[in-house]
Amino acid sequence: MAELTREEAREMIEKLAYFGISEENLEKAVAQYMYCQKRGIEQFVGVVGYCWHCDKQVYEEWDLESAASTLVTGCPYCHRSFIG
């Protein structure tokens, strides 16, 4: 995927989040996306931040600073790994 600006990433995530995402979690999703893009690493949590197993919003348990500086690799609710 081509590199996106922060605004382009935000627009993309908003469009993907047709089922709703809070403004706060949207900012965390964008921060995580930009963190991964900047480092050229895979983003393990889904772009809008819902766990594939329990369907809870992963970013609810993260603060913005952590989402912008730490790779999210698992669900804080059901403890499933997103790796593999």
C-alpha atoms as a PDB file:
ATOM      1  CA  MET A   1       0.000   0.000   0.000  1.00  0.00           C
ATOM      2  CA  ALA A   2       1.255   3.471  -0.801  1.00  0.00           C
ATOM      3  CA  GLU A   3       2.215   5.730   2.060  1.00  0.00           C
ATOM      4  CA  LEU A   4      -0.641   7.925   3.224  1.00  0.00           C
ATOM      5  CA  THR A   5      -0.628  11.257   4.960  1.00  0.00           C
ATOM      6  CA  ARG A   6      -2.249  11.440   8.382  1.00  0.00           C
ATOM      7  CA  GLU A   7      -5.356  13.037   6.849  1.00  0.00           C
ATOM      8  CA  GLU A   8      -5.599  10.372   4.136  1.00  0.00           C
ATOM      9  CA  ALA A   9      -5.243   7.621   6.745  1.00  0.00           C
ATOM     10  CA  ARG A  10      -7.952   9.221   8.881  1.00  0.00           C
ATOM     11  CA  GLU A  11     -10.308   9.464   5.902  1.00  0.00           C
ATOM     12  CA  MET A  12      -9.673   5.831   4.976  1.00  0.00           C
ATOM     13  CA  ILE A  13     -10.329   4.606   8.527  1.00  0.00           C
ATOM     14  CA  GLU A  14     -13.495   6.705   8.809  1.00  0.00           C
ATOM     15  CA  LYS A  15     -14.821   5.108   5.615  1.00  0.00           C
ATOM     16  CA  LEU A  16     -13.977   1.613   6.864  1.00  0.00           C
ATOM     17  CA  ALA A  17     -15.657   2.297  10.200  1.00  0.00           C
ATOM     18  CA  TYR A  18     -19.152   2.352   8.727  1.00  0.00           C
ATOM     19  CA  PHE A  19     -20.434   0.616  11.851  1.00  0.00           C
ATOM     20  CA  GLY A  20     -19.236   3.475  14.023  1.00  0.00           C
ATOM     21  CA  ILE A  21     -16.144   4.479  15.894  1.00  0.00           C
ATOM     22  CA  SER A  22     -15.770   7.210  18.482  1.00  0.00           C
ATOM     23  CA  GLU A  23     -13.656  10.261  17.678  1.00  0.00           C
ATOM     24  CA  GLU A  24     -11.214   9.249  20.404  1.00  0.00           C
ATOM     25  CA  ASN A  25     -10.798   5.714  19.055  1.00  0.00           C
ATOM     26  CA  LEU A  26     -10.553   7.038  15.512  1.00  0.00           C
ATOM     27  CA  GLU A  27      -7.560   9.144  16.583  1.00  0.00           C
ATOM     28  CA  LYS A  28      -5.987   6.071  18.221  1.00  0.00           C
ATOM     29  CA  ALA A  29      -6.568   3.982  15.072  1.00  0.00           C
ATOM     30  CA  VAL A  30      -4.939   6.675  12.936  1.00  0.00           C
ATOM     31  CA  ALA A  31      -2.021   6.909  15.374  1.00  0.00           C
ATOM     32  CA  GLN A  32      -1.475   3.132  15.233  1.00  0.00           C
ATOM     33  CA  TYR A  33      -1.724   3.120  11.445  1.00  0.00           C
ATOM     34  CA  MET A  34       0.834   5.917  11.159  1.00  0.00           C
ATOM     35  CA  TYR A  35       3.142   4.192  13.687  1.00  0.00           C
ATOM     36  CA  CYS A  36       3.159   1.017  11.592  1.00  0.00           C
ATOM     37  CA  GLN A  37       3.455   2.835   8.263  1.00  0.00           C
ATOM     38  CA  LYS A  38       6.390   4.927   9.485  1.00  0.00           C
ATOM     39  CA  ARG A  39       8.289   1.807  10.547  1.00  0.00           C
ATOM     40  CA  GLY A  40       7.248  -0.342   7.596  1.00  0.00           C
ATOM     41  CA  ILE A  41       5.720  -2.989   9.853  1.00  0.00           C
ATOM     42  CA  GLU A  42       2.477  -4.912   9.646  1.00  0.00           C
ATOM     43  CA  GLN A  43      -0.506  -3.561  11.570  1.00  0.00           C
ATOM     44  CA  PHE A  44      -1.850  -6.577  13.471  1.00  0.00           C
ATOM     45  CA  VAL A  45      -4.996  -5.045  14.949  1.00  0.00           C
ATOM     46  CA  GLY A  46      -7.672  -4.437  12.317  1.00  0.00           C
ATOM     47  CA  VAL A  47      -7.593  -0.928  10.893  1.00  0.00           C
ATOM     48  CA  VAL A  48     -10.642   0.203  12.888  1.00  0.00           C
ATOM     49  CA  GLY A  49      -9.564  -1.633  16.046  1.00  0.00           C
ATOM     50  CA  TYR A  50     -12.092  -4.394  16.641  1.00  0.00           C
ATOM     51  CA  CYS A  51     -10.930  -7.781  17.922  1.00  0.00           C
ATOM     52  CA  TRP A  52     -11.569 -10.619  15.468  1.00  0.00           C
ATOM     53  CA  HIS A  53     -12.486 -12.955  18.327  1.00  0.00           C
ATOM     54  CA  CYS A  54     -14.574 -11.021  20.869  1.00  0.00           C
ATOM     55  CA  ASP A  55     -15.571  -8.073  18.630  1.00  0.00           C
ATOM     56  CA  LYS A  56     -14.659  -5.482  21.270  1.00  0.00           C
ATOM     57  CA  GLN A  57     -12.990  -2.166  20.463  1.00  0.00           C
ATOM     58  CA  VAL A  58      -9.317  -2.743  21.315  1.00  0.00           C
ATOM     59  CA  TYR A  59      -8.445   0.960  21.434  1.00  0.00           C
ATOM     60  CA  GLU A  60     -10.824   1.536  24.378  1.00  0.00           C
ATOM     61  CA  GLU A  61      -8.036   0.223  26.621  1.00  0.00           C
ATOM     62  CA  TRP A  62      -5.237   2.237  25.014  1.00  0.00           C
ATOM     63  CA  ASP A  63      -4.354   5.893  25.376  1.00  0.00           C
ATOM     64  CA  LEU A  64      -3.426   7.962  22.341  1.00  0.00           C
ATOM     65  CA  GLU A  65       0.251   8.169  23.268  1.00  0.00           C
ATOM     66  CA  SER A  66       0.542   4.376  23.539  1.00  0.00           C
ATOM     67  CA  ALA A  67      -1.291   3.800  20.251  1.00  0.00           C
ATOM     68  CA  ALA A  68       1.176   6.185  18.597  1.00  0.00           C
ATOM     69  CA  SER A  69       4.275   4.552  20.065  1.00  0.00           C
ATOM     70  CA  THR A  70       3.578   0.848  20.665  1.00  0.00           C
ATOM     71  CA  LEU A  71       2.631  -1.974  18.309  1.00  0.00           C
ATOM     72  CA  VAL A  72      -0.774  -3.406  19.258  1.00  0.00           C
ATOM     73  CA  THR A  73      -0.446  -7.199  19.005  1.00  0.00           C
ATOM     74  CA  GLY A  74      -3.393  -8.557  20.983  1.00  0.00           C
ATOM     75  CA  CYS A  75      -6.774  -7.947  22.551  1.00  0.00           C
ATOM     76  CA  PRO A  76      -6.820  -6.544  26.108  1.00  0.00           C
ATOM     77  CA  TYR A  77     -10.225  -8.172  26.707  1.00  0.00           C
ATOM     78  CA  CYS A  78     -10.024 -11.795  25.519  1.00  0.00           C
ATOM     79  CA  HIS A  79      -6.197 -11.854  25.357  1.00  0.00           C
ATOM     80  CA  ARG A  80      -6.124 -13.297  21.838  1.00  0.00           C
ATOM     81  CA  SER A  81      -3.036 -12.577  19.802  1.00  0.00           C
ATOM     82  CA  PHE A  82      -3.393 -10.823  16.455  1.00  0.00           C
ATOM     83  CA  ILE A  83      -0.076 -12.323  15.329  1.00  0.00           C
ATOM     84  CA  GLY A  84      -0.056 -15.500  13.334  1.00  0.00           C
END
